[in-house]
């Protein structure tokens, strides 16, 4: 798989993400600082919500645009099973926060076990 920055598929997607990020940041800034769209959206709380949402999504897309090259190369130090377990753990803790007392040690033990197994496999 070609991971160079000149790959056509990657370049147009990165460009679209960058354009969307810049557009959302400009719109969010215009909504927030200039008060544009306040009469169209109705209430002031809706206007503030839309401005904040545009700014936040624009910032996230900007971070995605910056990290685009590293997204195609997975982290070699993180085993894929541990990443999946971590996401599942986050979802479980979000649903039941008291389960963090059981999830955190389990994920720590899993990380330790995968690290030890990786050491023995490399020999």
C-alpha atoms as a PDB file:
ATOM      1  CA  UNK A   1       0.000   0.000   0.000  1.00  0.00           C
ATOM      2  CA  UNK A   2       1.375   3.381  -1.001  1.00  0.00           C
ATOM      3  CA  UNK A   3       1.521   5.783   1.951  1.00  0.00           C
ATOM      4  CA  UNK A   4       3.042   8.754   0.155  1.00  0.00           C
ATOM      5  CA  UNK A   5       1.314  12.119   0.381  1.00  0.00           C
ATOM      6  CA  UNK A   6       0.893  12.294  -3.397  1.00  0.00           C
ATOM      7  CA  UNK A   7      -1.663   9.480  -3.580  1.00  0.00           C
ATOM      8  CA  UNK A   8      -4.689  10.974  -5.402  1.00  0.00           C
ATOM      9  CA  UNK A   9      -7.266   9.335  -3.136  1.00  0.00           C
ATOM     10  CA  UNK A  10      -5.661  10.718   0.005  1.00  0.00           C
ATOM     11  CA  UNK A  11      -4.960  14.153  -1.335  1.00  0.00           C
ATOM     12  CA  UNK A  12      -8.528  14.960  -2.383  1.00  0.00           C
ATOM     13  CA  UNK A  13      -9.971  13.666   0.883  1.00  0.00           C
ATOM     14  CA  UNK A  14      -7.482  15.661   2.914  1.00  0.00           C
ATOM     15  CA  UNK A  15      -8.252  18.739   0.817  1.00  0.00           C
ATOM     16  CA  UNK A  16     -12.007  18.316   1.351  1.00  0.00           C
ATOM     17  CA  UNK A  17     -11.510  17.954   5.108  1.00  0.00           C
ATOM     18  CA  UNK A  18      -9.332  21.079   5.137  1.00  0.00           C
ATOM     19  CA  UNK A  19     -11.878  23.078   3.153  1.00  0.00           C
ATOM     20  CA  UNK A  20     -14.732  21.923   5.397  1.00  0.00           C
ATOM     21  CA  UNK A  21     -12.702  22.799   8.487  1.00  0.00           C
ATOM     22  CA  UNK A  22     -11.868  26.293   7.221  1.00  0.00           C
ATOM     23  CA  UNK A  23     -15.473  26.884   6.151  1.00  0.00           C
ATOM     24  CA  UNK A  24     -16.893  25.800   9.501  1.00  0.00           C
ATOM     25  CA  UNK A  25     -14.358  27.847  11.436  1.00  0.00           C
ATOM     26  CA  UNK A  26     -15.104  30.947   9.336  1.00  0.00           C
ATOM     27  CA  UNK A  27     -18.865  30.491   9.667  1.00  0.00           C
ATOM     28  CA  UNK A  28     -18.613  29.794  13.389  1.00  0.00           C
ATOM     29  CA  UNK A  29     -16.438  32.871  13.873  1.00  0.00           C
ATOM     30  CA  UNK A  30     -18.826  35.004  11.842  1.00  0.00           C
ATOM     31  CA  UNK A  31     -21.788  33.693  13.820  1.00  0.00           C
ATOM     32  CA  UNK A  32     -20.052  34.231  17.148  1.00  0.00           C
ATOM     33  CA  UNK A  33     -18.261  37.541  16.664  1.00  0.00           C
ATOM     34  CA  UNK A  34     -20.408  39.338  14.080  1.00  0.00           C
ATOM     35  CA  UNK A  35     -23.791  38.016  15.192  1.00  0.00           C
ATOM     36  CA  UNK A  36     -24.597  36.852  11.666  1.00  0.00           C
ATOM     37  CA  UNK A  37     -27.585  34.541  11.487  1.00  0.00           C
ATOM     38  CA  UNK A  38     -29.149  35.551  14.793  1.00  0.00           C
ATOM     39  CA  UNK A  39     -32.388  36.739  13.187  1.00  0.00           C
ATOM     40  CA  UNK A  40     -32.530  33.667  10.940  1.00  0.00           C
ATOM     41  CA  UNK A  41     -32.069  31.122  13.725  1.00  0.00           C
ATOM     42  CA  UNK A  42     -34.612  32.668  16.054  1.00  0.00           C
ATOM     43  CA  UNK A  43     -33.545  32.613  19.688  1.00  0.00           C
ATOM     44  CA  UNK A  44     -30.194  33.690  21.051  1.00  0.00           C
ATOM     45  CA  UNK A  45     -29.579  30.271  22.599  1.00  0.00           C
ATOM     46  CA  UNK A  46     -30.015  28.546  19.237  1.00  0.00           C
ATOM     47  CA  UNK A  47     -27.634  31.066  17.689  1.00  0.00           C
ATOM     48  CA  UNK A  48     -25.034  30.417  20.406  1.00  0.00           C
ATOM     49  CA  UNK A  49     -25.458  26.648  20.025  1.00  0.00           C
ATOM     50  CA  UNK A  50     -24.961  26.751  16.239  1.00  0.00           C
ATOM     51  CA  UNK A  51     -21.922  29.018  16.537  1.00  0.00           C
ATOM     52  CA  UNK A  52     -20.330  26.772  19.169  1.00  0.00           C
ATOM     53  CA  UNK A  53     -21.109  23.625  17.170  1.00  0.00           C
ATOM     54  CA  UNK A  54     -19.567  25.078  14.004  1.00  0.00           C
ATOM     55  CA  UNK A  55     -16.436  26.104  15.876  1.00  0.00           C
ATOM     56  CA  UNK A  56     -16.034  22.756  17.625  1.00  0.00           C
ATOM     57  CA  UNK A  57     -16.616  20.643  14.534  1.00  0.00           C
ATOM     58  CA  UNK A  58     -14.298  22.938  12.573  1.00  0.00           C
ATOM     59  CA  UNK A  59     -11.572  22.439  15.183  1.00  0.00           C
ATOM     60  CA  UNK A  60     -11.997  18.658  15.141  1.00  0.00           C
ATOM     61  CA  UNK A  61     -11.876  18.588  11.339  1.00  0.00           C
ATOM     62  CA  UNK A  62      -8.783  20.808  11.461  1.00  0.00           C
ATOM     63  CA  UNK A  63      -7.100  18.346  13.815  1.00  0.00           C
ATOM     64  CA  UNK A  64      -8.109  15.513  11.494  1.00  0.00           C
ATOM     65  CA  UNK A  65      -6.652  17.440   8.551  1.00  0.00           C
ATOM     66  CA  UNK A  66      -3.371  17.886  10.400  1.00  0.00           C
ATOM     67  CA  UNK A  67      -3.194  14.229  11.458  1.00  0.00           C
ATOM     68  CA  UNK A  68      -4.276  12.772   8.101  1.00  0.00           C
ATOM     69  CA  UNK A  69      -0.875  11.268   7.219  1.00  0.00           C
ATOM     70  CA  UNK A  70      -0.476   9.509  10.559  1.00  0.00           C
ATOM     71  CA  UNK A  71      -4.020   8.087  10.421  1.00  0.00           C
ATOM     72  CA  UNK A  72      -3.028   5.753   7.604  1.00  0.00           C
ATOM     73  CA  UNK A  73      -0.237   4.237   9.720  1.00  0.00           C
ATOM     74  CA  UNK A  74      -1.551   2.558  12.847  1.00  0.00           C
ATOM     75  CA  UNK A  75       0.462   2.914  16.019  1.00  0.00           C
ATOM     76  CA  UNK A  76       2.839  -0.036  16.166  1.00  0.00           C
ATOM     77  CA  UNK A  77       3.170   0.123  19.923  1.00  0.00           C
ATOM     78  CA  UNK A  78      -0.560  -0.357  20.521  1.00  0.00           C
ATOM     79  CA  UNK A  79      -1.925  -3.850  19.883  1.00  0.00           C
ATOM     80  CA  UNK A  80      -5.194  -3.750  17.901  1.00  0.00           C
ATOM     81  CA  UNK A  81      -7.022  -5.896  20.454  1.00  0.00           C
ATOM     82  CA  UNK A  82      -6.126  -3.483  23.228  1.00  0.00           C
ATOM     83  CA  UNK A  83      -7.430  -0.544  21.206  1.00  0.00           C
ATOM     84  CA  UNK A  84     -10.762  -2.320  20.699  1.00  0.00           C
ATOM     85  CA  UNK A  85     -10.926  -3.247  24.393  1.00  0.00           C
ATOM     86  CA  UNK A  86     -10.205   0.372  25.301  1.00  0.00           C
ATOM     87  CA  UNK A  87     -13.047   1.653  23.135  1.00  0.00           C
ATOM     88  CA  UNK A  88     -15.414  -0.934  24.599  1.00  0.00           C
ATOM     89  CA  UNK A  89     -14.251   0.058  28.091  1.00  0.00           C
ATOM     90  CA  UNK A  90     -14.940   3.734  27.378  1.00  0.00           C
ATOM     91  CA  UNK A  91     -18.447   2.899  26.145  1.00  0.00           C
ATOM     92  CA  UNK A  92     -19.159   0.757  29.209  1.00  0.00           C
ATOM     93  CA  UNK A  93     -17.872   3.450  31.597  1.00  0.00           C
ATOM     94  CA  UNK A  94     -19.927   6.083  29.765  1.00  0.00           C
ATOM     95  CA  UNK A  95     -23.042   3.961  30.293  1.00  0.00           C
ATOM     96  CA  UNK A  96     -22.256   2.962  33.893  1.00  0.00           C
ATOM     97  CA  UNK A  97     -19.597   5.211  35.489  1.00  0.00           C
ATOM     98  CA  UNK A  98     -19.343   3.032  38.607  1.00  0.00           C
ATOM     99  CA  UNK A  99     -17.890   0.217  36.499  1.00  0.00           C
ATOM    100  CA  UNK A 100     -14.636   2.155  36.115  1.00  0.00           C
ATOM    101  CA  UNK A 101     -13.464   0.415  39.298  1.00  0.00           C
ATOM    102  CA  UNK A 102     -13.631  -2.902  37.439  1.00  0.00           C
ATOM    103  CA  UNK A 103     -12.803  -1.760  33.884  1.00  0.00           C
ATOM    104  CA  UNK A 104      -9.606   0.206  34.640  1.00  0.00           C
ATOM    105  CA  UNK A 105      -7.741  -2.670  36.366  1.00  0.00           C
ATOM    106  CA  UNK A 106      -8.951  -5.108  33.704  1.00  0.00           C
ATOM    107  CA  UNK A 107      -7.627  -2.903  30.889  1.00  0.00           C
ATOM    108  CA  UNK A 108      -4.361  -2.415  32.796  1.00  0.00           C
ATOM    109  CA  UNK A 109      -3.946  -6.171  33.229  1.00  0.00           C
ATOM    110  CA  UNK A 110      -4.759  -6.701  29.551  1.00  0.00           C
ATOM    111  CA  UNK A 111      -2.162  -4.107  28.538  1.00  0.00           C
ATOM    112  CA  UNK A 112       0.436  -5.748  30.767  1.00  0.00           C
ATOM    113  CA  UNK A 113      -0.392  -9.199  29.408  1.00  0.00           C
ATOM    114  CA  UNK A 114      -0.166  -8.089  25.774  1.00  0.00           C
ATOM    115  CA  UNK A 115       3.156  -6.368  26.491  1.00  0.00           C
ATOM    116  CA  UNK A 116       4.593  -9.510  28.073  1.00  0.00           C
ATOM    117  CA  UNK A 117       3.303 -11.673  25.235  1.00  0.00           C
ATOM    118  CA  UNK A 118       4.860  -9.318  22.680  1.00  0.00           C
ATOM    119  CA  UNK A 119       8.244  -9.650  24.426  1.00  0.00           C
ATOM    120  CA  UNK A 120       8.055 -13.444  24.318  1.00  0.00           C
ATOM    121  CA  UNK A 121       6.879 -13.513  20.673  1.00  0.00           C
ATOM    122  CA  UNK A 122       9.734 -11.327  19.470  1.00  0.00           C
ATOM    123  CA  UNK A 123      12.366 -13.795  20.751  1.00  0.00           C
END
